[in-house]
Every structure is written in C-alpha cells, then in structure tokens.
Amino acid sequence: MTIESVDAITRHPRYAELVSKRKSFGWILTFLMMVFYYGFIMMVAFEKEWHILAKPLWAGSVTTVGIPIGLAVIISAFALTGIYVYRANGEFDDITKAIREDLQQ
C-alpha cells in the first residue's frame, strides 16, 4: 500500500464515518464491561455488611450467590465481544467494502 492510497483512504468521507462509528461503539462496549466488572469487584469489596455474595444459592448448598454472578461477568465479556464481532462483520465491513469499491473506480 502506497502513501497515496493511504491518503486517499483517510480523505474518503465514509472513512471518517467508519472511524467515528467504531470508536463510539467500542467506547460504549468498554463502558458496559467496566460497569459489569467493577460493579462485581465493588460488591465483593463493599457489601460485607449484607453478605449477599456469601449466601448459599439454596439451603444446604455449598455454592454461593457470588459464583453465578461472577460467571455472569465472564459470560458478559464473551457476549459483548460477540456483539462487536457481529456489528464489525456487518455494518463496519460494509462501509469498508464501499470505501474500497469507491477507490478502485
């Protein structure tokens, strides 16, 4: 790829749209993941008075409420990654393809 082709891509109006959409979507997903993760960490750190996470799931259970909540945090990371990949393979790739087609003409 030459400097001229890189300049042509970065000057394309749809490129600015692509960068803007990807950046804002990435920040939204980052914010959500931080809320899930740090929310869980804050519960572990500060909810000692309530002992919510230490309560058993049912009477006689050795598994506490904190285990499924922790698993939900891990699963949310995979889900948010899947959401990003779905959008990247759809909308973002379509914009990239349109830019490439415009520049090849």
C-alpha atoms as a PDB file:
ATOM      1  CA  MET A   1       0.000   0.000   0.000  1.00  0.00           C
ATOM      2  CA  THR A   2       1.434   3.342  -1.001  1.00  0.00           C
ATOM      3  CA  ILE A   3       1.316   6.651   0.824  1.00  0.00           C
ATOM      4  CA  GLU A   4      -1.060   7.965  -1.852  1.00  0.00           C
ATOM      5  CA  SER A   5      -3.527   5.126  -1.290  1.00  0.00           C
ATOM      6  CA  VAL A   6      -3.400   5.629   2.468  1.00  0.00           C
ATOM      7  CA  ASP A   7      -4.057   9.349   1.983  1.00  0.00           C
ATOM      8  CA  ALA A   8      -6.937   8.576  -0.382  1.00  0.00           C
ATOM      9  CA  ILE A   9      -8.499   6.256   2.185  1.00  0.00           C
ATOM     10  CA  THR A  10      -8.165   8.702   5.069  1.00  0.00           C
ATOM     11  CA  ARG A  11      -9.662  11.544   2.980  1.00  0.00           C
ATOM     12  CA  HIS A  12     -12.700   9.460   1.998  1.00  0.00           C
ATOM     13  CA  PRO A  13     -15.856  10.758   3.768  1.00  0.00           C
ATOM     14  CA  ARG A  14     -17.051   7.254   4.618  1.00  0.00           C
ATOM     15  CA  TYR A  15     -13.717   6.554   6.331  1.00  0.00           C
ATOM     16  CA  ALA A  16     -14.424   9.308   8.860  1.00  0.00           C
ATOM     17  CA  GLU A  17     -17.867   7.776   9.389  1.00  0.00           C
ATOM     18  CA  LEU A  18     -16.317   4.327   9.894  1.00  0.00           C
ATOM     19  CA  VAL A  19     -13.762   5.588  12.403  1.00  0.00           C
ATOM     20  CA  SER A  20     -16.397   7.549  14.307  1.00  0.00           C
ATOM     21  CA  LYS A  21     -18.854   4.644  14.498  1.00  0.00           C
ATOM     22  CA  ARG A  22     -16.215   2.110  15.504  1.00  0.00           C
ATOM     23  CA  LYS A  23     -14.781   4.401  18.159  1.00  0.00           C
ATOM     24  CA  SER A  24     -18.120   5.286  19.744  1.00  0.00           C
ATOM     25  CA  PHE A  25     -19.333   1.687  19.666  1.00  0.00           C
ATOM     26  CA  GLY A  26     -16.068   0.500  21.176  1.00  0.00           C
ATOM     27  CA  TRP A  27     -16.328   3.034  23.980  1.00  0.00           C
ATOM     28  CA  ILE A  28     -19.916   2.004  24.719  1.00  0.00           C
ATOM     29  CA  LEU A  29     -18.929  -1.654  24.979  1.00  0.00           C
ATOM     30  CA  THR A  30     -15.876  -0.744  27.065  1.00  0.00           C
ATOM     31  CA  PHE A  31     -18.066   1.257  29.444  1.00  0.00           C
ATOM     32  CA  LEU A  32     -20.528  -1.635  29.792  1.00  0.00           C
ATOM     33  CA  MET A  33     -17.758  -4.131  30.503  1.00  0.00           C
ATOM     34  CA  MET A  34     -16.236  -1.825  33.083  1.00  0.00           C
ATOM     35  CA  VAL A  35     -19.617  -1.408  34.779  1.00  0.00           C
ATOM     36  CA  PHE A  36     -20.078  -5.202  34.927  1.00  0.00           C
ATOM     37  CA  TYR A  37     -16.546  -5.952  36.092  1.00  0.00           C
ATOM     38  CA  TYR A  38     -16.017  -3.098  38.521  1.00  0.00           C
ATOM     39  CA  GLY A  39     -19.580  -3.435  39.786  1.00  0.00           C
ATOM     40  CA  PHE A  40     -18.796  -7.018  40.733  1.00  0.00           C
ATOM     41  CA  ILE A  41     -15.478  -6.023  42.309  1.00  0.00           C
ATOM     42  CA  MET A  42     -17.205  -3.259  44.288  1.00  0.00           C
ATOM     43  CA  MET A  43     -19.791  -5.750  45.506  1.00  0.00           C
ATOM     44  CA  VAL A  44     -17.010  -8.042  46.679  1.00  0.00           C
ATOM     45  CA  ALA A  45     -15.218  -5.172  48.393  1.00  0.00           C
ATOM     46  CA  PHE A  46     -18.075  -3.214  49.953  1.00  0.00           C
ATOM     47  CA  GLU A  47     -21.086  -5.433  50.518  1.00  0.00           C
ATOM     48  CA  LYS A  48     -19.693  -7.204  53.561  1.00  0.00           C
ATOM     49  CA  GLU A  49     -22.475  -5.840  55.776  1.00  0.00           C
ATOM     50  CA  TRP A  50     -25.150  -7.523  53.662  1.00  0.00           C
ATOM     51  CA  HIS A  51     -23.285 -10.764  52.895  1.00  0.00           C
ATOM     52  CA  ILE A  52     -25.224 -11.117  49.646  1.00  0.00           C
ATOM     53  CA  LEU A  53     -22.460 -12.836  47.704  1.00  0.00           C
ATOM     54  CA  ALA A  54     -21.704 -15.246  50.548  1.00  0.00           C
ATOM     55  CA  LYS A  55     -25.276 -16.558  50.846  1.00  0.00           C
ATOM     56  CA  PRO A  56     -25.824 -20.103  49.575  1.00  0.00           C
ATOM     57  CA  LEU A  57     -27.958 -20.498  46.466  1.00  0.00           C
ATOM     58  CA  TRP A  58     -30.345 -22.744  48.409  1.00  0.00           C
ATOM     59  CA  ALA A  59     -30.425 -24.304  51.863  1.00  0.00           C
ATOM     60  CA  GLY A  60     -27.543 -26.712  52.305  1.00  0.00           C
ATOM     61  CA  SER A  61     -25.781 -25.598  49.115  1.00  0.00           C
ATOM     62  CA  VAL A  62     -22.038 -25.018  49.108  1.00  0.00           C
ATOM     63  CA  THR A  63     -22.296 -22.796  46.031  1.00  0.00           C
ATOM     64  CA  THR A  64     -22.826 -19.155  46.922  1.00  0.00           C
ATOM     65  CA  VAL A  65     -24.657 -16.391  45.088  1.00  0.00           C
ATOM     66  CA  GLY A  66     -21.295 -14.880  44.155  1.00  0.00           C
ATOM     67  CA  ILE A  67     -20.374 -17.793  41.871  1.00  0.00           C
ATOM     68  CA  PRO A  68     -23.191 -17.338  39.312  1.00  0.00           C
ATOM     69  CA  ILE A  69     -22.742 -13.570  39.445  1.00  0.00           C
ATOM     70  CA  GLY A  70     -19.020 -13.991  38.731  1.00  0.00           C
ATOM     71  CA  LEU A  71     -19.839 -16.357  35.866  1.00  0.00           C
ATOM     72  CA  ALA A  72     -22.276 -13.784  34.515  1.00  0.00           C
ATOM     73  CA  VAL A  73     -19.455 -11.218  34.435  1.00  0.00           C
ATOM     74  CA  ILE A  74     -17.301 -13.644  32.429  1.00  0.00           C
ATOM     75  CA  ILE A  75     -20.162 -14.517  30.095  1.00  0.00           C
ATOM     76  CA  SER A  76     -20.919 -10.819  29.592  1.00  0.00           C
ATOM     77  CA  ALA A  77     -17.370 -10.354  28.271  1.00  0.00           C
ATOM     78  CA  PHE A  78     -17.974 -13.065  25.672  1.00  0.00           C
ATOM     79  CA  ALA A  79     -21.397 -11.623  24.836  1.00  0.00           C
ATOM     80  CA  LEU A  80     -20.057  -8.097  24.349  1.00  0.00           C
ATOM     81  CA  THR A  81     -17.265  -9.484  22.169  1.00  0.00           C
ATOM     82  CA  GLY A  82     -19.868 -11.342  20.110  1.00  0.00           C
ATOM     83  CA  ILE A  83     -21.920  -8.173  19.743  1.00  0.00           C
ATOM     84  CA  TYR A  84     -18.868  -6.283  18.496  1.00  0.00           C
ATOM     85  CA  VAL A  85     -17.920  -9.045  16.039  1.00  0.00           C
ATOM     86  CA  TYR A  86     -21.487  -9.203  14.728  1.00  0.00           C
ATOM     87  CA  ARG A  87     -21.553  -5.471  14.058  1.00  0.00           C
ATOM     88  CA  ALA A  88     -18.000  -5.431  12.696  1.00  0.00           C
ATOM     89  CA  ASN A  89     -18.784  -8.235  10.252  1.00  0.00           C
ATOM     90  CA  GLY A  90     -21.925  -6.443   9.146  1.00  0.00           C
ATOM     91  CA  GLU A  91     -22.034  -2.673   9.205  1.00  0.00           C
ATOM     92  CA  PHE A  92     -18.312  -1.941   9.566  1.00  0.00           C
ATOM     93  CA  ASP A  93     -17.298  -4.383   6.847  1.00  0.00           C
ATOM     94  CA  ASP A  94     -19.985  -2.954   4.548  1.00  0.00           C
ATOM     95  CA  ILE A  95     -18.580   0.554   4.965  1.00  0.00           C
ATOM     96  CA  THR A  96     -15.036  -0.739   4.405  1.00  0.00           C
ATOM     97  CA  LYS A  97     -16.174  -2.524   1.241  1.00  0.00           C
ATOM     98  CA  ALA A  98     -17.891   0.630  -0.017  1.00  0.00           C
ATOM     99  CA  ILE A  99     -14.714   2.663   0.566  1.00  0.00           C
ATOM    100  CA  ARG A 100     -12.627   0.062  -1.252  1.00  0.00           C
ATOM    101  CA  GLU A 101     -15.045  -0.011  -4.195  1.00  0.00           C
ATOM    102  CA  ASP A 102     -15.117   3.786  -4.444  1.00  0.00           C
ATOM    103  CA  LEU A 103     -11.343   3.978  -4.511  1.00  0.00           C
ATOM    104  CA  GLN A 104     -10.967   1.230  -7.120  1.00  0.00           C
ATOM    105  CA  GLN A 105     -13.115   3.119  -9.620  1.00  0.00           C
END
